[in-house]
PDB file of N, CA and C in Angstrom:
ATOM      1  N   MET A   1       0.871  -6.388   9.104  1.00  0.00           N
ATOM      2  CA  MET A   1      -0.380  -5.939   9.599  1.00  0.00           C
ATOM      3  C   MET A   1      -1.193  -7.269   7.726  1.00  0.00           C
ATOM      4  N   GLN A   2      -0.183  -7.841   7.451  1.00  0.00           N
ATOM      5  CA  GLN A   2      -0.822  -7.760   5.831  1.00  0.00           C
ATOM      6  C   GLN A   2      -1.696  -9.253   6.848  1.00  0.00           C
ATOM      7  N   GLN A   3      -1.637 -10.609   7.676  1.00  0.00           N
ATOM      8  CA  GLN A   3      -1.759 -11.887   8.058  1.00  0.00           C
ATOM      9  C   GLN A   3      -3.249 -10.996   9.024  1.00  0.00           C
ATOM     10  N   ALA A   4      -3.452  -9.733   9.825  1.00  0.00           N
ATOM     11  CA  ALA A   4      -4.757  -9.251   9.407  1.00  0.00           C
ATOM     12  C   ALA A   4      -5.500  -8.944   8.640  1.00  0.00           C
ATOM     13  N   LEU A   5      -5.297  -8.946   6.608  1.00  0.00           N
ATOM     14  CA  LEU A   5      -6.954  -8.463   6.669  1.00  0.00           C
ATOM     15  C   LEU A   5      -6.683  -9.178   5.854  1.00  0.00           C
ATOM     16  N   SER A   6      -7.905  -9.825   5.195  1.00  0.00           N
ATOM     17  CA  SER A   6      -8.915 -10.646   4.325  1.00  0.00           C
ATOM     18  C   SER A   6      -8.653 -10.208   3.489  1.00  0.00           C
ATOM     19  N   GLU A   7      -8.452 -10.906   2.154  1.00  0.00           N
ATOM     20  CA  GLU A   7      -7.579 -11.010   0.688  1.00  0.00           C
ATOM     21  C   GLU A   7      -8.978 -10.086  -0.021  1.00  0.00           C
ATOM     22  N   GLU A   8     -10.074 -10.237   0.849  1.00  0.00           N
ATOM     23  CA  GLU A   8     -11.031  -8.830  -0.203  1.00  0.00           C
ATOM     24  C   GLU A   8     -10.789  -7.398   0.029  1.00  0.00           C
ATOM     25  N   ASP A   9     -10.090  -7.869   1.499  1.00  0.00           N
ATOM     26  CA  ASP A   9      -9.750  -5.772   2.319  1.00  0.00           C
ATOM     27  C   ASP A   9      -8.656  -5.749   1.416  1.00  0.00           C
ATOM     28  N   ALA A  10      -7.773  -7.069   1.476  1.00  0.00           N
ATOM     29  CA  ALA A  10      -6.441  -6.408   0.552  1.00  0.00           C
ATOM     30  C   ALA A  10      -6.605  -5.640  -0.578  1.00  0.00           C
ATOM     31  N   ALA A  11      -7.825  -7.106  -1.371  1.00  0.00           N
ATOM     32  CA  ALA A  11      -8.077  -6.720  -2.816  1.00  0.00           C
ATOM     33  C   ALA A  11      -8.242  -5.040  -3.331  1.00  0.00           C
ATOM     34  N   SER A  12      -9.535  -4.869  -1.700  1.00  0.00           N
ATOM     35  CA  SER A  12      -9.889  -3.403  -2.252  1.00  0.00           C
ATOM     36  C   SER A  12      -9.045  -2.428  -1.573  1.00  0.00           C
ATOM     37  N   LEU A  13      -7.810  -3.223  -0.416  1.00  0.00           N
ATOM     38  CA  LEU A  13      -7.313  -1.429  -0.117  1.00  0.00           C
ATOM     39  C   LEU A  13      -6.213  -1.143  -0.909  1.00  0.00           C
ATOM     40  N   LYS A  14      -6.376  -2.441  -2.690  1.00  0.00           N
ATOM     41  CA  LYS A  14      -5.310  -1.752  -2.999  1.00  0.00           C
ATOM     42  C   LYS A  14      -5.648  -1.440  -4.252  1.00  0.00           C
ATOM     43  N   GLY A  15      -7.223  -1.188  -4.954  1.00  0.00           N
ATOM     44  CA  GLY A  15      -7.498  -1.638  -5.639  1.00  0.00           C
ATOM     45  C   GLY A  15      -7.808   0.330  -5.447  1.00  0.00           C
ATOM     46  N   ALA A  16      -8.218   0.585  -4.284  1.00  0.00           N
ATOM     47  CA  ALA A  16      -8.345   2.049  -3.845  1.00  0.00           C
ATOM     48  C   ALA A  16      -6.794   2.921  -3.782  1.00  0.00           C
ATOM     49  N   VAL A  17      -5.881   2.272  -3.178  1.00  0.00           N
ATOM     50  CA  VAL A  17      -4.683   3.341  -3.032  1.00  0.00           C
ATOM     51  C   VAL A  17      -4.626   3.383  -4.347  1.00  0.00           C
ATOM     52  N   ASP A  18      -4.479   2.748  -5.289  1.00  0.00           N
ATOM     53  CA  ASP A  18      -3.939   2.455  -7.241  1.00  0.00           C
ATOM     54  C   ASP A  18      -4.949   3.200  -7.520  1.00  0.00           C
ATOM     55  N   ALA A  19      -5.669   3.304  -7.337  1.00  0.00           N
ATOM     56  CA  ALA A  19      -7.476   4.451  -8.107  1.00  0.00           C
ATOM     57  C   ALA A  19      -6.397   6.315  -7.466  1.00  0.00           C
ATOM     58  N   ALA A  20      -6.276   5.903  -6.533  1.00  0.00           N
ATOM     59  CA  ALA A  20      -5.382   7.005  -5.703  1.00  0.00           C
ATOM     60  C   ALA A  20      -4.446   7.848  -6.475  1.00  0.00           C
ATOM     61  N   LEU A  21      -3.562   7.006  -6.565  1.00  0.00           N
ATOM     62  CA  LEU A  21      -2.157   7.208  -7.235  1.00  0.00           C
ATOM     63  C   LEU A  21      -2.227   7.327  -8.996  1.00  0.00           C
ATOM     64  N   THR A  22      -3.099   6.974  -9.820  1.00  0.00           N
ATOM     65  CA  THR A  22      -3.107   6.605 -10.722  1.00  0.00           C
ATOM     66  C   THR A  22      -3.622   8.592 -10.993  1.00  0.00           C
ATOM     67  N   TRP A  23      -4.935   8.498 -10.050  1.00  0.00           N
ATOM     68  CA  TRP A  23      -5.521  10.060  -9.952  1.00  0.00           C
ATOM     69  C   TRP A  23      -4.306  10.906  -9.895  1.00  0.00           C
ATOM     70  N   LEU A  24      -3.668  10.626  -9.007  1.00  0.00           N
ATOM     71  CA  LEU A  24      -2.922  11.810  -8.394  1.00  0.00           C
ATOM     72  C   LEU A  24      -1.500  12.068  -9.380  1.00  0.00           C
ATOM     73  N   ASP A  25      -1.474  10.623 -10.518  1.00  0.00           N
ATOM     74  CA  ASP A  25      -0.165  10.962 -11.745  1.00  0.00           C
ATOM     75  C   ASP A  25      -0.736  11.794 -12.891  1.00  0.00           C
ATOM     76  N   ASP A  26      -2.299  12.040 -12.827  1.00  0.00           N
ATOM     77  CA  ASP A  26      -3.032  12.741 -13.801  1.00  0.00           C
ATOM     78  C   ASP A  26      -3.393  13.466 -13.661  1.00  0.00           C
ATOM     79  N   ASN A  27      -3.942  14.374 -12.200  1.00  0.00           N
ATOM     80  CA  ASN A  27      -4.059  15.808 -12.486  1.00  0.00           C
ATOM     81  C   ASN A  27      -3.336  16.341 -11.430  1.00  0.00           C
ATOM     82  N   GLN A  28      -1.688  16.619 -11.062  1.00  0.00           N
ATOM     83  CA  GLN A  28      -1.204  17.317 -10.888  1.00  0.00           C
ATOM     84  C   GLN A  28      -1.373  18.167 -11.208  1.00  0.00           C
ATOM     85  N   SER A  29      -2.277  19.019 -11.791  1.00  0.00           N
ATOM     86  CA  SER A  29      -2.450  20.328 -11.176  1.00  0.00           C
ATOM     87  C   SER A  29      -4.104  20.932 -10.598  1.00  0.00           C
ATOM     88  N   ALA A  30      -4.443  19.536 -10.230  1.00  0.00           N
ATOM     89  CA  ALA A  30      -5.917  19.721  -9.997  1.00  0.00           C
ATOM     90  C   ALA A  30      -5.137  20.940  -8.754  1.00  0.00           C
ATOM     91  N   ASP A  31      -5.677  21.250  -8.136  1.00  0.00           N
ATOM     92  CA  ASP A  31      -6.563  22.567  -7.417  1.00  0.00           C
ATOM     93  C   ASP A  31      -6.762  21.092  -5.339  1.00  0.00           C
ATOM     94  N   LYS A  32      -6.461  22.535  -4.689  1.00  0.00           N
ATOM     95  CA  LYS A  32      -6.832  22.331  -2.722  1.00  0.00           C
ATOM     96  C   LYS A  32      -7.719  21.264  -2.504  1.00  0.00           C
ATOM     97  N   GLU A  33      -8.960  21.689  -3.446  1.00  0.00           N
ATOM     98  CA  GLU A  33      -9.890  20.444  -2.892  1.00  0.00           C
ATOM     99  C   GLU A  33     -10.613  19.533  -3.748  1.00  0.00           C
ATOM    100  N   GLU A  34     -10.034  20.164  -4.327  1.00  0.00           N
ATOM    101  CA  GLU A  34      -9.733  18.378  -5.717  1.00  0.00           C
ATOM    102  C   GLU A  34      -8.766  16.973  -5.201  1.00  0.00           C
ATOM    103  N   TYR A  35      -7.833  17.569  -4.341  1.00  0.00           N
ATOM    104  CA  TYR A  35      -6.728  16.972  -3.765  1.00  0.00           C
ATOM    105  C   TYR A  35      -7.971  16.117  -2.942  1.00  0.00           C
ATOM    106  N   GLU A  36      -8.106  17.989  -1.590  1.00  0.00           N
ATOM    107  CA  GLU A  36      -9.532  17.232   0.138  1.00  0.00           C
ATOM    108  C   GLU A  36     -10.473  15.971  -0.714  1.00  0.00           C
ATOM    109  N   SER A  37     -10.414  16.005  -1.577  1.00  0.00           N
ATOM    110  CA  SER A  37     -11.962  15.536  -2.087  1.00  0.00           C
ATOM    111  C   SER A  37     -11.621  13.949  -2.141  1.00  0.00           C
ATOM    112  N   GLN A  38      -9.426  13.457  -3.052  1.00  0.00           N
ATOM    113  CA  GLN A  38      -9.892  12.358  -3.463  1.00  0.00           C
ATOM    114  C   GLN A  38      -8.958  11.728  -2.218  1.00  0.00           C
ATOM    115  N   ARG A  39      -8.856  12.748  -1.970  1.00  0.00           N
ATOM    116  CA  ARG A  39      -7.563  12.119  -0.508  1.00  0.00           C
ATOM    117  C   ARG A  39      -9.342  11.313   1.055  1.00  0.00           C
ATOM    118  N   LYS A  40     -10.675  12.657   0.627  1.00  0.00           N
ATOM    119  CA  LYS A  40     -11.612  11.598   1.319  1.00  0.00           C
ATOM    120  C   LYS A  40     -12.197  10.586   1.048  1.00  0.00           C
ATOM    121  N   GLU A  41     -11.956  10.790  -0.275  1.00  0.00           N
ATOM    122  CA  GLU A  41     -12.503   9.339  -1.162  1.00  0.00           C
ATOM    123  C   GLU A  41     -11.500   7.824  -0.191  1.00  0.00           C
ATOM    124  N   LEU A  42     -10.325   8.240  -0.772  1.00  0.00           N
ATOM    125  CA  LEU A  42      -9.121   7.306  -0.425  1.00  0.00           C
ATOM    126  C   LEU A  42      -9.757   6.753   1.226  1.00  0.00           C
ATOM    127  N   GLU A  43      -9.652   7.921   2.227  1.00  0.00           N
ATOM    128  CA  GLU A  43      -9.705   7.385   3.339  1.00  0.00           C
ATOM    129  C   GLU A  43     -11.090   6.819   3.987  1.00  0.00           C
ATOM    130  N   GLU A  44     -12.032   6.905   2.889  1.00  0.00           N
ATOM    131  CA  GLU A  44     -13.436   5.891   3.317  1.00  0.00           C
ATOM    132  C   GLU A  44     -13.357   5.296   3.179  1.00  0.00           C
ATOM    133  N   VAL A  45     -12.317   4.381   2.157  1.00  0.00           N
ATOM    134  CA  VAL A  45     -12.855   3.451   2.025  1.00  0.00           C
ATOM    135  C   VAL A  45     -11.358   2.527   2.627  1.00  0.00           C
ATOM    136  N   ALA A  46      -9.768   3.112   2.904  1.00  0.00           N
ATOM    137  CA  ALA A  46      -8.930   2.974   3.480  1.00  0.00           C
ATOM    138  C   ALA A  46      -9.331   2.197   5.081  1.00  0.00           C
ATOM    139  N   MET A  47     -10.017   3.736   5.838  1.00  0.00           N
ATOM    140  CA  MET A  47      -9.762   4.217   7.468  1.00  0.00           C
ATOM    141  C   MET A  47     -11.247   2.611   7.750  1.00  0.00           C
ATOM    142  N   PRO A  48     -12.604   2.159   7.811  1.00  0.00           N
ATOM    143  CA  PRO A  48     -12.302   0.914   7.771  1.00  0.00           C
ATOM    144  C   PRO A  48     -11.707  -0.428   8.010  1.00  0.00           C
ATOM    145  N   ILE A  49     -11.534  -0.552   6.708  1.00  0.00           N
ATOM    146  CA  ILE A  49      -9.994  -1.919   6.554  1.00  0.00           C
ATOM    147  C   ILE A  49      -8.881  -1.421   7.545  1.00  0.00           C
ATOM    148  N   LEU A  50      -8.376  -0.500   7.581  1.00  0.00           N
ATOM    149  CA  LEU A  50      -7.923  -0.931   9.127  1.00  0.00           C
ATOM    150  C   LEU A  50      -7.647  -0.425   9.545  1.00  0.00           C
ATOM    151  N   GLN A  51      -8.867  -0.324  10.330  1.00  0.00           N
ATOM    152  CA  GLN A  51      -9.355  -0.434  12.040  1.00  0.00           C
ATOM    153  C   GLN A  51      -9.717  -1.532  11.905  1.00  0.00           C
ATOM    154  N   ARG A  52     -10.046  -2.553  10.796  1.00  0.00           N
ATOM    155  CA  ARG A  52     -11.278  -4.007  11.111  1.00  0.00           C
ATOM    156  C   ARG A  52      -9.208  -4.466  11.848  1.00  0.00           C
ATOM    157  N   ALA A  53      -8.908  -4.599  10.128  1.00  0.00           N
ATOM    158  CA  ALA A  53      -7.448  -5.176   9.874  1.00  0.00           C
ATOM    159  C   ALA A  53      -6.584  -4.898  12.075  1.00  0.00           C
ATOM    160  N   MET A  54      -6.412  -3.434  12.449  1.00  0.00           N
ATOM    161  CA  MET A  54      -5.785  -3.815  13.658  1.00  0.00           C
ATOM    162  C   MET A  54      -6.733  -3.979  14.619  1.00  0.00           C
ATOM    163  N   GLN A  55      -7.550  -4.547  14.621  1.00  0.00           N
ATOM    164  CA  GLN A  55      -8.378  -5.325  15.508  1.00  0.00           C
ATOM    165  C   GLN A  55      -8.443  -6.989  15.335  1.00  0.00           C
ATOM    166  N   ALA A  56      -8.269  -6.485  14.472  1.00  0.00           N
ATOM    167  CA  ALA A  56      -8.462  -8.226  14.457  1.00  0.00           C
ATOM    168  C   ALA A  56      -6.919  -8.426  14.571  1.00  0.00           C
ATOM    169  N   GLY A  57      -5.633  -7.890  14.434  1.00  0.00           N
ATOM    170  CA  GLY A  57      -4.324  -8.826  14.808  1.00  0.00           C
ATOM    171  C   GLY A  57      -4.133  -8.121  16.470  1.00  0.00           C
ATOM    172  N   ALA A  58      -4.357  -7.127  17.409  1.00  0.00           N
ATOM    173  CA  ALA A  58      -4.734  -7.436  18.402  1.00  0.00           C
ATOM    174  C   ALA A  58      -5.443  -7.989  19.202  1.00  0.00           C
ATOM    175  N   GLY A  59      -6.839  -8.551  18.830  1.00  0.00           N
ATOM    176  CA  GLY A  59      -7.176  -9.760  18.911  1.00  0.00           C
ATOM    177  C   GLY A  59      -6.560 -10.918  18.783  1.00  0.00           C
ATOM    178  N   GLY A  60      -6.010 -10.983  17.542  1.00  0.00           N
ATOM    179  CA  GLY A  60      -5.012 -12.210  17.588  1.00  0.00           C
ATOM    180  C   GLY A  60      -3.791 -12.287  17.692  1.00  0.00           C
ATOM    181  N   GLY A  61      -3.491 -11.769  18.463  1.00  0.00           N
ATOM    182  CA  GLY A  61      -1.630 -11.217  19.321  1.00  0.00           C
ATOM    183  C   GLY A  61      -0.716 -11.109  18.220  1.00  0.00           C
ATOM    184  N   ALA A  62      -0.973 -11.106  16.824  1.00  0.00           N
ATOM    185  CA  ALA A  62      -0.609 -11.052  16.018  1.00  0.00           C
ATOM    186  C   ALA A  62       1.144  -9.634  16.473  1.00  0.00           C
ATOM    187  N   PRO A  63       2.307 -10.031  16.203  1.00  0.00           N
ATOM    188  CA  PRO A  63       3.306  -9.179  16.808  1.00  0.00           C
ATOM    189  C   PRO A  63       3.110  -7.739  16.028  1.00  0.00           C
ATOM    190  N   GLY A  64       3.498  -6.855  17.870  1.00  0.00           N
ATOM    191  CA  GLY A  64       3.744  -5.623  16.739  1.00  0.00           C
ATOM    192  C   GLY A  64       2.128  -5.119  17.247  1.00  0.00           C
ATOM    193  N   ALA A  65       1.067  -5.560  17.386  1.00  0.00           N
ATOM    194  CA  ALA A  65      -0.743  -5.415  17.331  1.00  0.00           C
ATOM    195  C   ALA A  65      -1.108  -4.876  17.854  1.00  0.00           C
ATOM    196  N   ASP A  66       0.114  -4.227  19.768  1.00  0.00           N
ATOM    197  CA  ASP A  66      -0.055  -3.702  20.434  1.00  0.00           C
ATOM    198  C   ASP A  66       0.342  -2.118  20.130  1.00  0.00           C
ATOM    199  N   GLY A  67      -0.020  -1.806  18.924  1.00  0.00           N
ATOM    200  CA  GLY A  67       0.211  -0.002  19.046  1.00  0.00           C
ATOM    201  C   GLY A  67       1.865   0.376  19.462  1.00  0.00           C
ATOM    202  N   GLY A  68       2.186  -0.341  20.032  1.00  0.00           N
ATOM    203  CA  GLY A  68       3.772   0.286  21.300  1.00  0.00           C
ATOM    204  C   GLY A  68       4.845   0.296  20.683  1.00  0.00           C
ATOM    205  N   GLY A  69       5.158  -1.293  20.279  1.00  0.00           N
ATOM    206  CA  GLY A  69       6.473  -1.799  19.483  1.00  0.00           C
ATOM    207  C   GLY A  69       7.614  -1.409  20.207  1.00  0.00           C
ATOM    208  N   ASP A  70       8.759  -1.692  19.999  1.00  0.00           N
ATOM    209  CA  ASP A  70      10.290  -1.135  20.539  1.00  0.00           C
ATOM    210  C   ASP A  70      10.924   0.407  20.341  1.00  0.00           C
ATOM    211  N   GLU A  71      10.890   0.567  18.924  1.00  0.00           N
ATOM    212  CA  GLU A  71      10.925   2.278  18.289  1.00  0.00           C
ATOM    213  C   GLU A  71      11.494   3.439  18.945  1.00  0.00           C
ATOM    214  N   GLY A  72      11.260   4.146  19.710  1.00  0.00           N
ATOM    215  CA  GLY A  72      12.201   5.454  19.901  1.00  0.00           C
ATOM    216  C   GLY A  72      11.846   5.215  21.442  1.00  0.00           C
ATOM    217  N   GLY A  73      10.966   3.947  21.924  1.00  0.00           N
ATOM    218  CA  GLY A  73      10.834   3.967  23.367  1.00  0.00           C
ATOM    219  C   GLY A  73      11.704   4.622  24.288  1.00  0.00           C
ATOM    220  N   GLY A  74      13.078   4.319  23.999  1.00  0.00           N
ATOM    221  CA  GLY A  74      13.971   4.707  24.798  1.00  0.00           C
ATOM    222  C   GLY A  74      14.820   3.133  26.042  1.00  0.00           C
ATOM    223  N   GLY A  75      13.059   3.057  27.202  1.00  0.00           N
ATOM    224  CA  GLY A  75      13.096   1.295  27.322  1.00  0.00           C
ATOM    225  C   GLY A  75      13.444   2.141  29.084  1.00  0.00           C
ATOM    226  N   GLU A  76      13.386   2.838  29.477  1.00  0.00           N
ATOM    227  CA  GLU A  76      13.600   3.420  30.928  1.00  0.00           C
ATOM    228  C   GLU A  76      11.742   4.233  31.489  1.00  0.00           C
ATOM    229  N   GLY A  77      11.171   3.375  32.384  1.00  0.00           N
ATOM    230  CA  GLY A  77      10.408   4.067  33.549  1.00  0.00           C
ATOM    231  C   GLY A  77       9.493   2.762  33.318  1.00  0.00           C
ATOM    232  N   GLY A  78      10.286   2.060  33.368  1.00  0.00           N
ATOM    233  CA  GLY A  78       9.346   0.278  33.272  1.00  0.00           C
ATOM    234  C   GLY A  78       7.928   0.134  31.766  1.00  0.00           C
ATOM    235  N   GLY A  79       7.288  -0.329  31.755  1.00  0.00           N
ATOM    236  CA  GLY A  79       6.725  -0.481  30.587  1.00  0.00           C
ATOM    237  C   GLY A  79       5.710   0.839  30.420  1.00  0.00           C
ATOM    238  N   ASP A  80       5.142   1.662  31.301  1.00  0.00           N
ATOM    239  CA  ASP A  80       4.530   2.660  30.991  1.00  0.00           C
ATOM    240  C   ASP A  80       5.304   3.385  30.344  1.00  0.00           C
ATOM    241  N   GLY A  81       4.718   4.488  29.062  1.00  0.00           N
ATOM    242  CA  GLY A  81       5.326   5.652  28.783  1.00  0.00           C
ATOM    243  C   GLY A  81       4.671   7.005  29.230  1.00  0.00           C
ATOM    244  N   PRO A  82       5.218   8.109  28.565  1.00  0.00           N
ATOM    245  CA  PRO A  82       4.802   9.098  30.246  1.00  0.00           C
ATOM    246  C   PRO A  82       3.257   9.394  28.859  1.00  0.00           C
ATOM    247  N   SER A  83       2.593   9.818  29.908  1.00  0.00           N
ATOM    248  CA  SER A  83       0.870  10.162  29.311  1.00  0.00           C
ATOM    249  C   SER A  83       0.646  12.182  28.584  1.00  0.00           C
ATOM    250  N   VAL A  84       0.229  11.657  27.617  1.00  0.00           N
ATOM    251  CA  VAL A  84      -0.304  13.646  27.165  1.00  0.00           C
ATOM    252  C   VAL A  84      -0.290  13.798  28.633  1.00  0.00           C
ATOM    253  N   GLU A  85      -0.448  14.209  29.790  1.00  0.00           N
ATOM    254  CA  GLU A  85       0.118  15.505  30.416  1.00  0.00           C
ATOM    255  C   GLU A  85       1.468  15.561  30.337  1.00  0.00           C
ATOM    256  N   GLU A  86       2.024  14.311  31.466  1.00  0.00           N
ATOM    257  CA  GLU A  86       3.353  14.827  31.134  1.00  0.00           C
ATOM    258  C   GLU A  86       4.366  15.040  29.873  1.00  0.00           C
ATOM    259  N   VAL A  87       3.886  14.741  28.559  1.00  0.00           N
ATOM    260  CA  VAL A  87       4.907  15.726  27.369  1.00  0.00           C
ATOM    261  C   VAL A  87       4.683  16.790  27.351  1.00  0.00           C
ATOM    262  N   ASP A  88       3.542  16.995  28.058  1.00  0.00           N
ATOM    263  CA  ASP A  88       3.852  18.983  28.035  1.00  0.00           C
ATOM    264  C   ASP A  88       4.736  19.747  28.580  1.00  0.00           C
TER     265      ASP A  88
END
């Protein structure tokens, strides 16, 4: 996925993650609302970057960018995986 990230996006994402980890280390006794607030702040930075990276990866033909992958599929049934209705 790093191939799909621009240097600026990678730096922004790394900075946000590092800040969140530092906050977690410094605030281990914080209450649930504080944790949720920090999670939301991280998501506000990370989600747009990750969405752009996924779109760039899918459009650029990066390996594994289709979201399928080979892990855990079992391989039977051709290329069609189960739908949500079939899983129930």
